[in-house]
C-alpha cells in the first residue's frame, strides 16, 4: 500500500487518532504471536499440545447455561465434571491423519487436549443438569440451588 493511501485509510478510521487502526492491528498481531509462543513453550516442555475452546456463559434466575465451541471434537472425547460450584469441561481434539502423499500447505487449526473450569458465583446443583452436543456446540444447563422462603430460627436457652 502506498504511504498516501495508507495515511488516508488510517485517517478515515478515526480523525483524532490517525494511526489508531494500524496500532490496533499491530497490537492484535503481537498479542496473538506472544500468546501462541507462550502456549507452545509451555506445552512443548511437557510434550503435549493444548488448545482453548471458546466458552459463553449465560445465567437465568434458575439456571446457568454454558455453551462451548468444540467443532471437530467427537462426543466420546469430552468429559464433564461438576464438583461443588465448579464445572470442568475437558477432552481432546484429535488431529486429522494425513497420508505420506499429502503435503501440508497451511495448518492453522488447533488440536490437542483441553480443559476449562468455570466457577459459578452461586452453588450449582450437579443432580439437575442437561448436556447436549449438536453441530460442534456443547450446551450445558445446570440448575442453581434455589433458596426457599426465609425461615425463622428459634433461639434456645442454654
Protein backbone atom coordinates (compact mmCIF):
# COMPACT_ATOMS: atom_id res chain seq x y z
CA UNK A 1 0.00 0.00 0.00
CA UNK A 2 1.38 3.40 -0.93
CA UNK A 3 2.07 5.74 2.01
CA UNK A 4 -0.52 8.38 0.97
CA UNK A 5 -3.29 5.81 0.54
CA UNK A 6 -2.20 4.22 3.84
CA UNK A 7 -2.39 7.60 5.57
CA UNK A 8 -5.80 8.27 4.02
CA UNK A 9 -7.01 4.81 5.11
CA UNK A 10 -5.85 5.36 8.71
CA UNK A 11 -7.22 8.89 8.93
CA UNK A 12 -10.61 7.66 7.71
CA UNK A 13 -10.71 5.23 10.63
CA UNK A 14 -10.56 7.92 13.29
CA UNK A 15 -9.79 11.57 12.53
CA UNK A 16 -8.50 12.31 16.03
CA UNK A 17 -6.05 9.36 16.03
CA UNK A 18 -4.65 8.89 12.51
CA UNK A 19 -2.80 5.63 13.28
CA UNK A 20 -5.46 4.13 15.55
CA UNK A 21 -6.40 1.34 13.11
CA UNK A 22 -2.77 0.49 12.41
CA UNK A 23 -1.95 0.49 16.13
CA UNK A 24 -4.82 -1.91 16.85
CA UNK A 25 -3.77 -4.26 14.04
CA UNK A 26 -0.15 -4.37 15.24
CA UNK A 27 -1.28 -4.90 18.85
CA UNK A 28 -3.57 -7.76 17.84
CA UNK A 29 -0.81 -9.37 15.78
CA UNK A 30 1.78 -9.12 18.56
CA UNK A 31 -0.70 -10.42 21.13
CA UNK A 32 -1.51 -13.48 19.01
CA UNK A 33 2.18 -14.18 18.33
CA UNK A 34 3.13 -13.91 22.01
CA UNK A 35 0.09 -15.90 23.16
CA UNK A 36 0.90 -18.71 20.71
CA UNK A 37 4.57 -18.63 21.67
CA UNK A 38 3.82 -18.86 25.38
CA UNK A 39 1.25 -21.61 24.81
CA UNK A 40 3.64 -23.59 22.61
CA UNK A 41 6.57 -23.14 25.00
CA UNK A 42 4.57 -24.39 27.98
CA UNK A 43 3.14 -27.39 26.16
CA UNK A 44 6.30 -28.35 24.26
CA UNK A 45 8.16 -28.72 27.56
CA UNK A 46 5.57 -31.29 28.65
CA UNK A 47 5.42 -32.91 25.23
CA UNK A 48 1.72 -32.07 24.95
CA UNK A 49 -0.32 -29.87 22.66
CA UNK A 50 -3.26 -27.93 24.13
CA UNK A 51 -5.96 -25.69 22.78
CA UNK A 52 -8.52 -23.47 24.49
CA UNK A 53 -12.10 -23.75 23.21
CA UNK A 54 -14.28 -20.65 23.33
CA UNK A 55 -16.96 -20.56 26.04
CA UNK A 56 -20.07 -18.43 26.55
CA UNK A 57 -21.81 -18.41 29.94
CA UNK A 58 -25.39 -17.28 30.48
CA UNK A 59 -27.42 -17.03 33.65
CA UNK A 60 -31.15 -17.09 34.27
CA UNK A 61 -32.95 -16.90 37.61
CA UNK A 62 -32.85 -20.68 37.94
CA UNK A 63 -30.01 -21.95 35.71
CA UNK A 64 -26.51 -21.47 34.38
CA UNK A 65 -26.09 -22.18 30.67
CA UNK A 66 -22.62 -22.88 29.30
CA UNK A 67 -22.04 -23.05 25.55
CA UNK A 68 -18.70 -24.32 24.26
CA UNK A 69 -17.43 -24.39 20.70
CA UNK A 70 -15.96 -27.86 20.07
CA UNK A 71 -16.03 -28.23 16.29
CA UNK A 72 -14.12 -31.33 15.21
CA UNK A 73 -14.25 -32.97 18.66
CA UNK A 74 -16.06 -36.28 18.97
CA UNK A 75 -18.62 -36.58 21.76
CA UNK A 76 -16.83 -39.63 23.19
CA UNK A 77 -13.72 -37.47 23.71
CA UNK A 78 -15.47 -34.95 26.02
CA UNK A 79 -15.69 -35.27 29.81
CA UNK A 80 -17.82 -33.14 32.14
CA UNK A 81 -17.36 -32.91 35.90
CA UNK A 82 -19.23 -30.78 38.45
CA UNK A 83 -17.69 -30.52 41.89
CA UNK A 84 -19.13 -28.02 44.38
CA UNK A 85 -19.81 -24.99 42.16
CA UNK A 86 -17.08 -25.67 39.58
CA UNK A 87 -17.78 -27.15 36.14
CA UNK A 88 -14.81 -28.67 34.31
CA UNK A 89 -15.02 -29.43 30.59
CA UNK A 90 -12.10 -31.46 29.28
CA UNK A 91 -11.21 -33.70 26.38
CA UNK A 92 -9.15 -33.92 23.26
CA UNK A 93 -9.44 -32.67 19.70
CA UNK A 94 -7.55 -35.14 17.55
CA UNK A 95 -5.55 -34.03 14.56
CA UNK A 96 -6.70 -35.35 11.21
CA UNK A 97 -4.43 -38.05 9.87
CA UNK A 98 -2.56 -37.12 6.71
CA UNK A 99 -1.06 -39.75 4.44
CA UNK A 100 2.53 -39.65 3.18
CA UNK A 101 1.43 -38.40 -0.25
CA UNK A 102 -0.07 -35.21 1.18
CA UNK A 103 1.89 -32.04 1.80
CA UNK A 104 0.51 -29.56 4.31
CA UNK A 105 0.23 -26.15 2.67
CA UNK A 106 -1.14 -24.35 5.74
CA UNK A 107 -2.16 -25.61 9.19
CA UNK A 108 -3.94 -23.05 11.38
CA UNK A 109 -6.42 -25.15 13.34
CA UNK A 110 -5.63 -26.07 16.93
CA UNK A 111 -5.59 -29.65 18.13
CA UNK A 112 -4.78 -31.42 21.35
CA UNK A 113 -6.07 -31.74 24.88
CA UNK A 114 -8.23 -29.11 26.51
CA UNK A 115 -9.57 -28.37 29.97
CA UNK A 116 -11.69 -25.40 31.02
CA UNK A 117 -13.01 -24.86 34.54
CA UNK A 118 -15.80 -22.44 35.37
CA UNK A 119 -16.61 -21.39 38.91
CA UNK A 120 -20.18 -20.24 39.35
CA UNK A 121 -20.98 -17.41 41.79
CA UNK A 122 -23.83 -19.41 43.34
CA UNK A 123 -23.86 -23.10 44.16
CA UNK A 124 -24.75 -25.28 41.18
CA UNK A 125 -26.86 -28.40 41.59
CA UNK A 126 -24.97 -31.31 39.97
CA UNK A 127 -28.08 -33.50 40.26
CA UNK A 128 -30.08 -31.35 37.84
CA UNK A 129 -28.03 -30.90 34.68
CA UNK A 130 -28.54 -31.39 30.97
CA UNK A 131 -25.81 -31.55 28.34
CA UNK A 132 -26.38 -31.59 24.58
CA UNK A 133 -23.82 -31.80 21.78
CA UNK A 134 -25.03 -30.66 18.36
CA UNK A 135 -23.21 -29.28 15.31
CA UNK A 136 -19.95 -28.90 17.26
CA UNK A 137 -21.54 -26.89 20.08
CA UNK A 138 -21.74 -28.33 23.59
CA UNK A 139 -24.53 -26.74 25.65
CA UNK A 140 -24.73 -27.49 29.37
CA UNK A 141 -27.68 -26.36 31.51
CA UNK A 142 -27.10 -26.50 35.27
CA UNK A 143 -29.76 -25.71 37.83
CA UNK A 144 -28.91 -23.36 40.68
CA UNK A 145 -29.73 -24.28 44.23
CA UNK A 146 -32.69 -22.04 44.90
CA UNK A 147 -33.14 -20.67 48.37
CA UNK A 148 -36.65 -21.26 49.60
CA UNK A 149 -38.61 -18.76 51.63
CA UNK A 150 -36.95 -17.23 54.65
CA UNK A 151 -37.01 -19.48 57.70
CA UNK A 152 -37.28 -18.14 61.19
CA UNK A 153 -34.71 -19.68 63.52
CA UNK A 154 -35.70 -20.20 67.13
CA UNK A 155 -33.08 -19.43 69.78
CA UNK A 156 -32.91 -22.00 72.58
CA UNK A 157 -31.93 -21.14 76.09
CA UNK A 158 -28.87 -22.92 77.38
